[in-house]
Each structure stands twice: as C-alpha cells, then as structure tokens.
Amino acid sequence: FHEHGGGTFVDATGICNGRDVDYYKSLSAKTGVHIVACTGFVGGDTALPHFAQANVDYLTQHFLHEITVGIGKTGSLAGVIKVGVSRGGRMTDLDKRIYRAAARASLTAGVPILTHLAIDAENAIAIFNEEGLSLDRVLFGHVDDGVNADKTRDIWIAEQGGRIGFDTFGYETELP
C-alpha cells in the first residue's frame, strides 16, 4: 500500500468490535502508513451493557475523550466516529442516542462520521439535522453492498448533502 503511494488507512472498527490500537501503532511504525482509528459503534446492538444504558451526554463525552485525550491508555487519538443501525433495519433508542452523541462530538471536535450501511438514512439525517451537523461531514458507508442497494435512497442522501461510500469492492454476498 505504502509502496504504491498510500499514506493513510482508516480502520472503522468500533468500540466493542475488536479494535486493537496497539497493533495499529506497531503496524504504522513498521509500514510508514498513518492508521486512523475510530470511536463509536457499528450498531447499538454491539455495545456492552455499560454503554447500552448510557445517555447522550455520557456517550458524547466518551467519544470526545477518545478523540481528544486518547483511546484507553494507548495515547492514540480517534480521528473518526463510527455509527450504525442495530440488526433489524430500524434505529433503536440506543442507536438514536449514539447518532446524536456522534453528531455532538463531531461538531465539537471537527472529526467526520462514518455510518455502517445507509440503513434508516431518513432517521440518521433527521438526527444530524436536528443537531446542526452539516451532512458533508458524514459518509454513509457500504451503499454498494448488494443487500441494501437502493439507488433512489443513495441519490436522496447525496441530494441532502451526505456523502455515499462505495466501499465493498471484492466483497461477495450470496443471496438466496
């Protein structure tokens, strides 16, 4: 990657999903590639019970801590916030709290947001708009995953000002 001009890699592994910041630091030192870690969750259903009970202010402060102070004791800062919708395709109350907290942390720290899939984009955009977050700070990911493909939705997201991510190249999904 580095030999072909790549300088930065964004790892979108969220909290509770196997994020290994010490490994990122080691890999970055060996390769010369800057690795951007994220804070946030792939979906509320991946959060530990501690986070599942948290209010928006607590989640916001947690994200901001990882962005401005560091992730755990690693000294590494998160450079992006990950959000997503729990299994089932509609935002849960926890998902909504996470999206709201992500918007507030993004506004405060200036980091962008990556969504895991563009599922329930209408609710996501409504929350981001309510929080005053410009949608050009949000990348709605995996719009090309083949499972949730909906060109009308993707065009609508772009018309609202959101970014859409075609990022599942080489990923094969078997459909019945």
N, C-alpha and C. Protein backbone atom coordinates (compact mmCIF):
# COMPACT_ATOMS: atom_id res chain seq x y z
N PHE A 1 0.84 -1.19 0.00
CA PHE A 1 0.00 0.00 0.00
C PHE A 1 0.88 1.25 0.00
N HIS A 2 1.80 1.32 0.94
CA HIS A 2 2.68 2.48 1.04
C HIS A 2 3.57 2.60 -0.19
N GLU A 3 4.04 1.47 -0.71
CA GLU A 3 4.91 1.48 -1.88
C GLU A 3 4.21 2.01 -3.13
N HIS A 4 2.88 2.00 -3.12
CA HIS A 4 2.11 2.50 -4.26
C HIS A 4 1.51 3.88 -3.99
N GLY A 5 2.04 4.57 -2.99
CA GLY A 5 1.63 5.94 -2.73
C GLY A 5 0.60 6.13 -1.64
N GLY A 6 0.13 5.03 -1.05
CA GLY A 6 -0.85 5.16 0.03
C GLY A 6 -0.20 5.65 1.31
N GLY A 7 -0.79 6.63 1.92
CA GLY A 7 -0.21 7.18 3.14
C GLY A 7 -1.08 7.06 4.36
N THR A 8 -2.39 6.88 4.16
CA THR A 8 -3.31 6.83 5.29
C THR A 8 -4.34 5.73 5.07
N PHE A 9 -4.64 5.03 6.14
CA PHE A 9 -5.64 3.96 6.14
C PHE A 9 -6.58 4.23 7.30
N VAL A 10 -7.88 4.20 7.07
CA VAL A 10 -8.86 4.40 8.13
C VAL A 10 -9.41 3.04 8.54
N ASP A 11 -9.21 2.68 9.80
CA ASP A 11 -9.78 1.45 10.32
C ASP A 11 -11.08 1.81 11.02
N ALA A 12 -12.18 1.28 10.53
CA ALA A 12 -13.50 1.65 11.04
C ALA A 12 -14.04 0.66 12.06
N THR A 13 -13.14 -0.05 12.74
CA THR A 13 -13.57 -0.97 13.79
C THR A 13 -13.97 -0.17 15.02
N GLY A 14 -15.20 -0.33 15.45
CA GLY A 14 -15.70 0.45 16.57
C GLY A 14 -15.39 -0.14 17.93
N ILE A 15 -15.81 0.58 18.96
CA ILE A 15 -15.70 0.12 20.34
C ILE A 15 -16.45 -1.20 20.43
N CYS A 16 -15.93 -2.15 21.15
CA CYS A 16 -16.56 -3.47 21.38
C CYS A 16 -16.51 -4.38 20.16
N ASN A 17 -15.75 -4.03 19.13
CA ASN A 17 -15.69 -4.85 17.92
C ASN A 17 -14.29 -5.33 17.58
N GLY A 18 -13.39 -5.33 18.54
CA GLY A 18 -12.06 -5.86 18.30
C GLY A 18 -11.03 -4.83 17.88
N ARG A 19 -11.27 -3.58 18.18
CA ARG A 19 -10.32 -2.51 17.88
C ARG A 19 -9.01 -2.81 18.62
N ASP A 20 -7.88 -2.75 17.94
CA ASP A 20 -6.58 -3.05 18.55
C ASP A 20 -5.61 -1.92 18.24
N VAL A 21 -5.70 -0.86 19.02
CA VAL A 21 -4.93 0.35 18.75
C VAL A 21 -3.44 0.12 18.91
N ASP A 22 -3.03 -0.72 19.86
CA ASP A 22 -1.60 -1.01 20.00
C ASP A 22 -1.06 -1.67 18.72
N TYR A 23 -1.84 -2.56 18.14
CA TYR A 23 -1.44 -3.18 16.87
C TYR A 23 -1.35 -2.14 15.76
N TYR A 24 -2.31 -1.22 15.71
CA TYR A 24 -2.29 -0.17 14.69
C TYR A 24 -1.00 0.64 14.81
N LYS A 25 -0.63 0.97 16.05
CA LYS A 25 0.60 1.75 16.27
C LYS A 25 1.82 0.99 15.77
N SER A 26 1.89 -0.28 16.08
CA SER A 26 3.01 -1.11 15.65
C SER A 26 3.05 -1.23 14.13
N LEU A 27 1.91 -1.49 13.54
CA LEU A 27 1.82 -1.63 12.09
C LEU A 27 2.19 -0.33 11.38
N SER A 28 1.74 0.78 11.93
CA SER A 28 2.05 2.08 11.35
C SER A 28 3.55 2.36 11.40
N ALA A 29 4.17 2.03 12.54
CA ALA A 29 5.62 2.24 12.68
C ALA A 29 6.40 1.38 11.69
N LYS A 30 5.93 0.18 11.43
CA LYS A 30 6.64 -0.73 10.52
C LYS A 30 6.43 -0.39 9.05
N THR A 31 5.28 0.17 8.71
CA THR A 31 4.94 0.39 7.30
C THR A 31 5.06 1.83 6.83
N GLY A 32 5.03 2.78 7.77
CA GLY A 32 5.03 4.18 7.39
C GLY A 32 3.66 4.69 6.98
N VAL A 33 2.64 3.86 7.15
CA VAL A 33 1.27 4.24 6.82
C VAL A 33 0.59 4.76 8.08
N HIS A 34 -0.01 5.94 7.98
CA HIS A 34 -0.76 6.51 9.10
C HIS A 34 -2.09 5.76 9.20
N ILE A 35 -2.40 5.23 10.37
CA ILE A 35 -3.65 4.49 10.55
C ILE A 35 -4.56 5.30 11.47
N VAL A 36 -5.73 5.65 10.97
CA VAL A 36 -6.71 6.43 11.72
C VAL A 36 -7.67 5.45 12.39
N ALA A 37 -7.72 5.51 13.71
CA ALA A 37 -8.65 4.67 14.47
C ALA A 37 -9.95 5.43 14.67
N CYS A 38 -11.01 4.70 14.98
CA CYS A 38 -12.29 5.36 15.20
C CYS A 38 -12.81 5.11 16.61
N THR A 39 -13.72 5.97 16.99
CA THR A 39 -14.52 5.77 18.18
C THR A 39 -15.94 5.51 17.68
N GLY A 40 -16.83 5.09 18.56
CA GLY A 40 -18.20 4.84 18.15
C GLY A 40 -18.49 3.35 18.05
N PHE A 41 -19.67 3.04 17.53
CA PHE A 41 -20.16 1.67 17.49
C PHE A 41 -20.69 1.32 16.11
N VAL A 42 -20.50 0.08 15.69
CA VAL A 42 -21.05 -0.40 14.42
C VAL A 42 -22.57 -0.36 14.48
N GLY A 43 -23.13 -0.60 15.62
CA GLY A 43 -24.57 -0.55 15.88
C GLY A 43 -24.78 -0.65 17.38
N GLY A 44 -25.88 -0.15 17.86
CA GLY A 44 -26.14 -0.20 19.29
C GLY A 44 -26.13 -1.61 19.84
N ASP A 45 -26.50 -2.58 19.02
CA ASP A 45 -26.54 -3.96 19.50
C ASP A 45 -25.15 -4.56 19.70
N THR A 46 -24.10 -3.83 19.33
CA THR A 46 -22.74 -4.31 19.58
C THR A 46 -22.15 -3.69 20.85
N ALA A 47 -22.89 -2.78 21.47
CA ALA A 47 -22.38 -2.09 22.66
C ALA A 47 -22.52 -2.97 23.91
N LEU A 48 -21.54 -2.87 24.78
CA LEU A 48 -21.62 -3.56 26.07
C LEU A 48 -22.75 -2.94 26.89
N PRO A 49 -23.30 -3.69 27.86
CA PRO A 49 -24.41 -3.16 28.68
C PRO A 49 -24.10 -1.80 29.31
N HIS A 50 -22.86 -1.59 29.68
CA HIS A 50 -22.45 -0.30 30.26
C HIS A 50 -22.82 0.86 29.33
N PHE A 51 -22.54 0.69 28.05
CA PHE A 51 -22.85 1.73 27.08
C PHE A 51 -24.33 1.73 26.71
N ALA A 52 -24.95 0.56 26.73
CA ALA A 52 -26.35 0.44 26.34
C ALA A 52 -27.27 1.25 27.24
N GLN A 53 -26.84 1.47 28.48
CA GLN A 53 -27.65 2.25 29.43
C GLN A 53 -27.27 3.72 29.45
N ALA A 54 -26.25 4.10 28.70
CA ALA A 54 -25.71 5.46 28.76
C ALA A 54 -26.62 6.47 28.06
N ASN A 55 -26.61 7.69 28.60
CA ASN A 55 -27.37 8.76 27.96
C ASN A 55 -26.51 9.46 26.90
N VAL A 56 -27.10 10.37 26.18
CA VAL A 56 -26.41 11.05 25.08
C VAL A 56 -25.19 11.81 25.58
N ASP A 57 -25.32 12.50 26.71
CA ASP A 57 -24.18 13.27 27.22
C ASP A 57 -23.00 12.37 27.55
N TYR A 58 -23.26 11.24 28.18
CA TYR A 58 -22.17 10.31 28.51
C TYR A 58 -21.50 9.80 27.24
N LEU A 59 -22.30 9.38 26.28
CA LEU A 59 -21.73 8.87 25.02
C LEU A 59 -20.92 9.95 24.31
N THR A 60 -21.44 11.17 24.29
CA THR A 60 -20.72 12.29 23.67
C THR A 60 -19.37 12.47 24.34
N GLN A 61 -19.36 12.51 25.67
CA GLN A 61 -18.11 12.70 26.40
C GLN A 61 -17.14 11.55 26.17
N HIS A 62 -17.66 10.34 26.06
CA HIS A 62 -16.78 9.20 25.80
C HIS A 62 -16.13 9.34 24.42
N PHE A 63 -16.92 9.67 23.42
CA PHE A 63 -16.37 9.86 22.08
C PHE A 63 -15.33 10.99 22.09
N LEU A 64 -15.66 12.10 22.73
CA LEU A 64 -14.73 13.23 22.78
C LEU A 64 -13.44 12.87 23.51
N HIS A 65 -13.55 12.08 24.56
CA HIS A 65 -12.34 11.65 25.28
C HIS A 65 -11.44 10.85 24.33
N GLU A 66 -12.01 9.93 23.58
CA GLU A 66 -11.20 9.13 22.67
C GLU A 66 -10.62 9.96 21.52
N ILE A 67 -11.28 11.05 21.17
CA ILE A 67 -10.81 11.92 20.10
C ILE A 67 -9.74 12.90 20.60
N THR A 68 -9.90 13.42 21.80
CA THR A 68 -9.02 14.49 22.28
C THR A 68 -7.98 14.06 23.30
N VAL A 69 -8.26 13.01 24.07
CA VAL A 69 -7.32 12.55 25.11
C VAL A 69 -6.65 11.25 24.68
N GLY A 70 -7.45 10.32 24.19
CA GLY A 70 -6.89 9.07 23.71
C GLY A 70 -7.79 7.89 23.97
N ILE A 71 -7.50 6.81 23.27
CA ILE A 71 -8.25 5.56 23.39
C ILE A 71 -7.59 4.72 24.46
N GLY A 72 -8.29 4.49 25.55
CA GLY A 72 -7.72 3.72 26.66
C GLY A 72 -6.44 4.37 27.13
N LYS A 73 -5.42 3.55 27.31
CA LYS A 73 -4.11 4.05 27.76
C LYS A 73 -3.09 4.07 26.62
N THR A 74 -3.58 4.02 25.38
CA THR A 74 -2.68 3.93 24.22
C THR A 74 -2.02 5.25 23.87
N GLY A 75 -2.66 6.36 24.23
CA GLY A 75 -2.16 7.66 23.80
C GLY A 75 -2.56 8.01 22.38
N SER A 76 -3.20 7.09 21.69
CA SER A 76 -3.65 7.33 20.31
C SER A 76 -5.03 7.95 20.30
N LEU A 77 -5.23 8.89 19.41
CA LEU A 77 -6.50 9.60 19.30
C LEU A 77 -7.34 9.02 18.17
N ALA A 78 -8.64 8.96 18.40
CA ALA A 78 -9.56 8.58 17.32
C ALA A 78 -9.69 9.77 16.37
N GLY A 79 -9.80 9.47 15.08
CA GLY A 79 -9.91 10.53 14.09
C GLY A 79 -11.21 10.52 13.32
N VAL A 80 -12.10 9.61 13.68
CA VAL A 80 -13.39 9.49 13.01
C VAL A 80 -14.35 8.80 13.98
N ILE A 81 -15.65 9.02 13.78
CA ILE A 81 -16.67 8.39 14.63
C ILE A 81 -17.48 7.42 13.78
N LYS A 82 -17.67 6.22 14.28
CA LYS A 82 -18.46 5.18 13.59
C LYS A 82 -19.83 5.09 14.24
N VAL A 83 -20.87 5.01 13.42
CA VAL A 83 -22.23 4.79 13.90
C VAL A 83 -22.90 3.77 12.99
N GLY A 84 -23.94 3.14 13.48
CA GLY A 84 -24.67 2.19 12.66
C GLY A 84 -25.99 1.81 13.30
N VAL A 85 -26.81 1.15 12.52
CA VAL A 85 -28.13 0.73 12.97
C VAL A 85 -28.06 -0.73 13.41
N SER A 86 -28.66 -1.03 14.55
CA SER A 86 -28.69 -2.40 15.06
C SER A 86 -29.39 -3.33 14.08
N ARG A 87 -29.13 -4.63 14.24
CA ARG A 87 -29.79 -5.61 13.39
C ARG A 87 -31.30 -5.41 13.46
N GLY A 88 -31.95 -5.53 12.34
CA GLY A 88 -33.39 -5.34 12.26
C GLY A 88 -33.76 -4.24 11.29
N GLY A 89 -32.79 -3.36 10.98
CA GLY A 89 -33.01 -2.37 9.94
C GLY A 89 -33.66 -1.07 10.35
N ARG A 90 -34.07 -0.94 11.60
CA ARG A 90 -34.63 0.33 12.09
C ARG A 90 -33.88 0.73 13.34
N MET A 91 -33.65 2.03 13.50
CA MET A 91 -32.91 2.51 14.66
C MET A 91 -33.63 2.19 15.95
N THR A 92 -32.85 1.69 16.90
CA THR A 92 -33.35 1.50 18.26
C THR A 92 -33.14 2.81 19.02
N ASP A 93 -33.67 2.87 20.23
CA ASP A 93 -33.44 4.05 21.06
C ASP A 93 -31.94 4.26 21.30
N LEU A 94 -31.21 3.18 21.54
CA LEU A 94 -29.76 3.30 21.74
C LEU A 94 -29.08 3.81 20.48
N ASP A 95 -29.45 3.28 19.33
CA ASP A 95 -28.87 3.78 18.07
C ASP A 95 -29.07 5.28 17.94
N LYS A 96 -30.27 5.74 18.25
CA LYS A 96 -30.56 7.18 18.15
C LYS A 96 -29.70 7.99 19.11
N ARG A 97 -29.49 7.48 20.32
CA ARG A 97 -28.61 8.17 21.28
C ARG A 97 -27.17 8.21 20.76
N ILE A 98 -26.73 7.12 20.17
CA ILE A 98 -25.37 7.06 19.62
C ILE A 98 -25.22 8.04 18.46
N TYR A 99 -26.18 8.09 17.54
CA TYR A 99 -26.12 9.02 16.41
C TYR A 99 -26.10 10.47 16.92
N ARG A 100 -26.94 10.76 17.89
CA ARG A 100 -26.99 12.12 18.44
C ARG A 100 -25.67 12.48 19.11
N ALA A 101 -25.12 11.55 19.89
CA ALA A 101 -23.83 11.78 20.56
C ALA A 101 -22.72 11.95 19.53
N ALA A 102 -22.76 11.16 18.48
CA ALA A 102 -21.74 11.27 17.43
C ALA A 102 -21.81 12.64 16.77
N ALA A 103 -23.02 13.12 16.50
CA ALA A 103 -23.17 14.44 15.89
C ALA A 103 -22.59 15.52 16.80
N ARG A 104 -22.89 15.44 18.09
CA ARG A 104 -22.39 16.45 19.03
C ARG A 104 -20.87 16.39 19.13
N ALA A 105 -20.31 15.19 19.20
CA ALA A 105 -18.85 15.06 19.28
C ALA A 105 -18.20 15.55 17.99
N SER A 106 -18.81 15.26 16.86
CA SER A 106 -18.28 15.71 15.58
C SER A 106 -18.26 17.24 15.51
N LEU A 107 -19.34 17.85 15.94
CA LEU A 107 -19.41 19.31 15.95
C LEU A 107 -18.36 19.92 16.86
N THR A 108 -18.13 19.31 18.01
CA THR A 108 -17.17 19.83 18.98
C THR A 108 -15.73 19.63 18.52
N ALA A 109 -15.42 18.43 18.03
CA ALA A 109 -14.03 18.08 17.73
C ALA A 109 -13.67 18.23 16.25
N GLY A 110 -14.67 18.34 15.39
CA GLY A 110 -14.39 18.52 13.97
C GLY A 110 -14.05 17.27 13.19
N VAL A 111 -14.27 16.10 13.79
CA VAL A 111 -13.98 14.85 13.07
C VAL A 111 -15.22 14.40 12.30
N PRO A 112 -15.03 13.67 11.21
CA PRO A 112 -16.16 13.19 10.43
C PRO A 112 -16.82 11.95 11.04
N ILE A 113 -17.96 11.59 10.49
CA ILE A 113 -18.71 10.40 10.91
C ILE A 113 -18.80 9.44 9.74
N LEU A 114 -18.61 8.16 10.02
CA LEU A 114 -18.84 7.09 9.05
C LEU A 114 -20.02 6.28 9.53
N THR A 115 -20.99 6.03 8.66
CA THR A 115 -22.08 5.14 9.06
C THR A 115 -21.82 3.75 8.53
N HIS A 116 -22.21 2.76 9.31
CA HIS A 116 -22.15 1.37 8.87
C HIS A 116 -23.45 1.12 8.12
N LEU A 117 -23.36 1.07 6.83
CA LEU A 117 -24.51 0.96 5.93
C LEU A 117 -25.30 2.26 5.91
N ALA A 118 -26.21 2.35 4.98
CA ALA A 118 -27.06 3.53 4.85
C ALA A 118 -28.49 3.18 5.24
N ILE A 119 -28.61 2.18 6.10
CA ILE A 119 -29.92 1.74 6.57
C ILE A 119 -30.55 2.83 7.44
N ASP A 120 -31.85 3.02 7.27
CA ASP A 120 -32.60 4.01 8.06
C ASP A 120 -31.99 5.41 7.93
N ALA A 121 -31.57 5.73 6.72
CA ALA A 121 -30.91 7.01 6.46
C ALA A 121 -31.80 8.20 6.79
N GLU A 122 -33.11 8.04 6.64
CA GLU A 122 -34.02 9.15 6.94
C GLU A 122 -33.90 9.56 8.40
N ASN A 123 -33.90 8.59 9.31
CA ASN A 123 -33.75 8.90 10.74
C ASN A 123 -32.37 9.48 11.02
N ALA A 124 -31.35 8.92 10.40
CA ALA A 124 -29.99 9.42 10.62
C ALA A 124 -29.89 10.88 10.21
N ILE A 125 -30.37 11.19 9.03
CA ILE A 125 -30.29 12.57 8.53
C ILE A 125 -31.12 13.50 9.40
N ALA A 126 -32.28 13.05 9.84
CA ALA A 126 -33.10 13.89 10.73
C ALA A 126 -32.34 14.21 12.01
N ILE A 127 -31.69 13.22 12.60
CA ILE A 127 -30.93 13.45 13.84
C ILE A 127 -29.77 14.40 13.58
N PHE A 128 -29.02 14.16 12.52
CA PHE A 128 -27.89 15.04 12.22
C PHE A 128 -28.36 16.47 11.98
N ASN A 129 -29.46 16.63 11.26
CA ASN A 129 -30.01 17.97 11.03
C ASN A 129 -30.46 18.62 12.33
N GLU A 130 -31.15 17.86 13.19
CA GLU A 130 -31.58 18.41 14.49
C GLU A 130 -30.40 18.89 15.32
N GLU A 131 -29.28 18.20 15.21
CA GLU A 131 -28.08 18.55 15.98
C GLU A 131 -27.25 19.64 15.30
N GLY A 132 -27.63 20.04 14.08
CA GLY A 132 -26.91 21.09 13.38
C GLY A 132 -25.64 20.64 12.68
N LEU A 133 -25.51 19.33 12.45
CA LEU A 133 -24.33 18.80 11.78
C LEU A 133 -24.50 18.86 10.27
N SER A 134 -23.57 19.49 9.59
CA SER A 134 -23.60 19.53 8.14
C SER A 134 -23.37 18.12 7.61
N LEU A 135 -24.20 17.69 6.68
CA LEU A 135 -24.12 16.33 6.17
C LEU A 135 -22.87 16.06 5.33
N ASP A 136 -22.15 17.12 4.96
CA ASP A 136 -20.89 16.87 4.25
C ASP A 136 -19.82 16.33 5.19
N ARG A 137 -20.14 16.21 6.47
CA ARG A 137 -19.25 15.61 7.47
C ARG A 137 -19.57 14.13 7.69
N VAL A 138 -20.53 13.60 6.92
CA VAL A 138 -20.99 12.22 7.12
C VAL A 138 -20.81 11.41 5.83
N LEU A 139 -20.17 10.24 5.97
CA LEU A 139 -20.08 9.29 4.87
C LEU A 139 -21.00 8.12 5.18
N PHE A 140 -22.03 7.94 4.37
CA PHE A 140 -22.94 6.80 4.52
C PHE A 140 -22.29 5.63 3.79
N GLY A 141 -21.82 4.66 4.55
CA GLY A 141 -20.99 3.61 4.00
C GLY A 141 -21.74 2.42 3.43
N HIS A 142 -21.00 1.65 2.65
CA HIS A 142 -21.43 0.37 2.09
C HIS A 142 -22.70 0.47 1.23
N VAL A 143 -22.89 1.58 0.53
CA VAL A 143 -24.11 1.68 -0.28
C VAL A 143 -24.10 0.69 -1.44
N ASP A 144 -22.94 0.12 -1.72
CA ASP A 144 -22.82 -0.83 -2.82
C ASP A 144 -22.77 -2.27 -2.35
N ASP A 145 -23.30 -2.55 -1.16
CA ASP A 145 -23.15 -3.89 -0.58
C ASP A 145 -24.01 -4.95 -1.26
N GLY A 146 -24.93 -4.56 -2.11
CA GLY A 146 -25.74 -5.53 -2.83
C GLY A 146 -26.95 -6.03 -2.06
N VAL A 147 -26.92 -5.90 -0.76
CA VAL A 147 -28.04 -6.34 0.07
C VAL A 147 -29.01 -5.19 0.26
N ASN A 148 -28.48 -4.02 0.51
CA ASN A 148 -29.31 -2.85 0.80
C ASN A 148 -29.27 -1.85 -0.35
N ALA A 149 -28.95 -2.33 -1.53
CA ALA A 149 -28.81 -1.43 -2.68
C ALA A 149 -30.14 -0.77 -3.02
N ASP A 150 -30.12 0.52 -3.07
CA ASP A 150 -31.31 1.28 -3.41
C ASP A 150 -30.83 2.61 -3.98
N LYS A 151 -30.76 2.69 -5.30
CA LYS A 151 -30.23 3.89 -5.93
C LYS A 151 -31.03 5.13 -5.57
N THR A 152 -32.34 4.99 -5.42
CA THR A 152 -33.16 6.14 -5.06
C THR A 152 -32.73 6.69 -3.71
N ARG A 153 -32.51 5.80 -2.73
CA ARG A 153 -32.04 6.22 -1.41
C ARG A 153 -30.70 6.91 -1.51
N ASP A 154 -29.79 6.33 -2.27
CA ASP A 154 -28.44 6.87 -2.37
C ASP A 154 -28.44 8.26 -3.01
N ILE A 155 -29.23 8.43 -4.05
CA ILE A 155 -29.35 9.75 -4.68
C ILE A 155 -29.94 10.74 -3.69
N TRP A 156 -30.95 10.31 -2.94
CA TRP A 156 -31.58 11.18 -1.96
C TRP A 156 -30.57 11.61 -0.90
N ILE A 157 -29.75 10.67 -0.40
CA ILE A 157 -28.73 11.01 0.59
C ILE A 157 -27.79 12.07 0.03
N ALA A 158 -27.33 11.86 -1.20
CA ALA A 158 -26.43 12.82 -1.82
C ALA A 158 -27.10 14.18 -2.01
N GLU A 159 -28.38 14.17 -2.39
CA GLU A 159 -29.12 15.44 -2.55
C GLU A 159 -29.26 16.18 -1.23
N GLN A 160 -29.28 15.46 -0.12
CA GLN A 160 -29.37 16.10 1.20
C GLN A 160 -28.02 16.67 1.63
N GLY A 161 -26.95 16.30 0.92
CA GLY A 161 -25.62 16.80 1.25
C GLY A 161 -24.70 15.75 1.84
N GLY A 162 -25.22 14.54 2.06
CA GLY A 162 -24.39 13.46 2.60
C GLY A 162 -23.47 12.87 1.55
N ARG A 163 -22.45 12.24 2.01
CA ARG A 163 -21.52 11.52 1.13
C ARG A 163 -21.94 10.06 1.11
N ILE A 164 -21.80 9.40 -0.02
CA ILE A 164 -22.12 7.98 -0.08
C ILE A 164 -20.85 7.21 -0.43
N GLY A 165 -20.65 6.10 0.28
CA GLY A 165 -19.42 5.34 0.13
C GLY A 165 -19.61 4.05 -0.62
N PHE A 166 -18.93 3.95 -1.75
CA PHE A 166 -18.86 2.69 -2.49
C PHE A 166 -17.57 2.02 -2.04
N ASP A 167 -17.69 1.13 -1.06
CA ASP A 167 -16.50 0.66 -0.36
C ASP A 167 -16.49 -0.84 -0.07
N THR A 168 -17.29 -1.61 -0.78
CA THR A 168 -17.29 -3.05 -0.54
C THR A 168 -16.74 -3.81 -1.74
N PHE A 169 -15.81 -3.21 -2.43
CA PHE A 169 -15.20 -3.85 -3.60
C PHE A 169 -14.59 -5.19 -3.19
N GLY A 170 -14.90 -6.22 -3.97
CA GLY A 170 -14.35 -7.53 -3.69
C GLY A 170 -15.10 -8.32 -2.65
N TYR A 171 -16.12 -7.74 -2.08
CA TYR A 171 -16.92 -8.42 -1.06
C TYR A 171 -18.07 -9.11 -1.76
N GLU A 172 -18.19 -10.40 -1.57
CA GLU A 172 -19.24 -11.16 -2.24
C GLU A 172 -20.30 -11.59 -1.25
N THR A 173 -21.54 -11.36 -1.60
CA THR A 173 -22.67 -11.76 -0.76
C THR A 173 -23.51 -12.75 -1.55
N GLU A 174 -23.77 -13.88 -0.94
CA GLU A 174 -24.65 -14.85 -1.59
C GLU A 174 -26.08 -14.56 -1.19
N LEU A 175 -26.91 -14.36 -2.16
CA LEU A 175 -28.32 -14.11 -1.89
C LEU A 175 -29.11 -15.35 -2.29
N PRO A 176 -30.18 -15.68 -1.53
CA PRO A 176 -30.97 -16.87 -1.87
C PRO A 176 -31.65 -16.75 -3.22
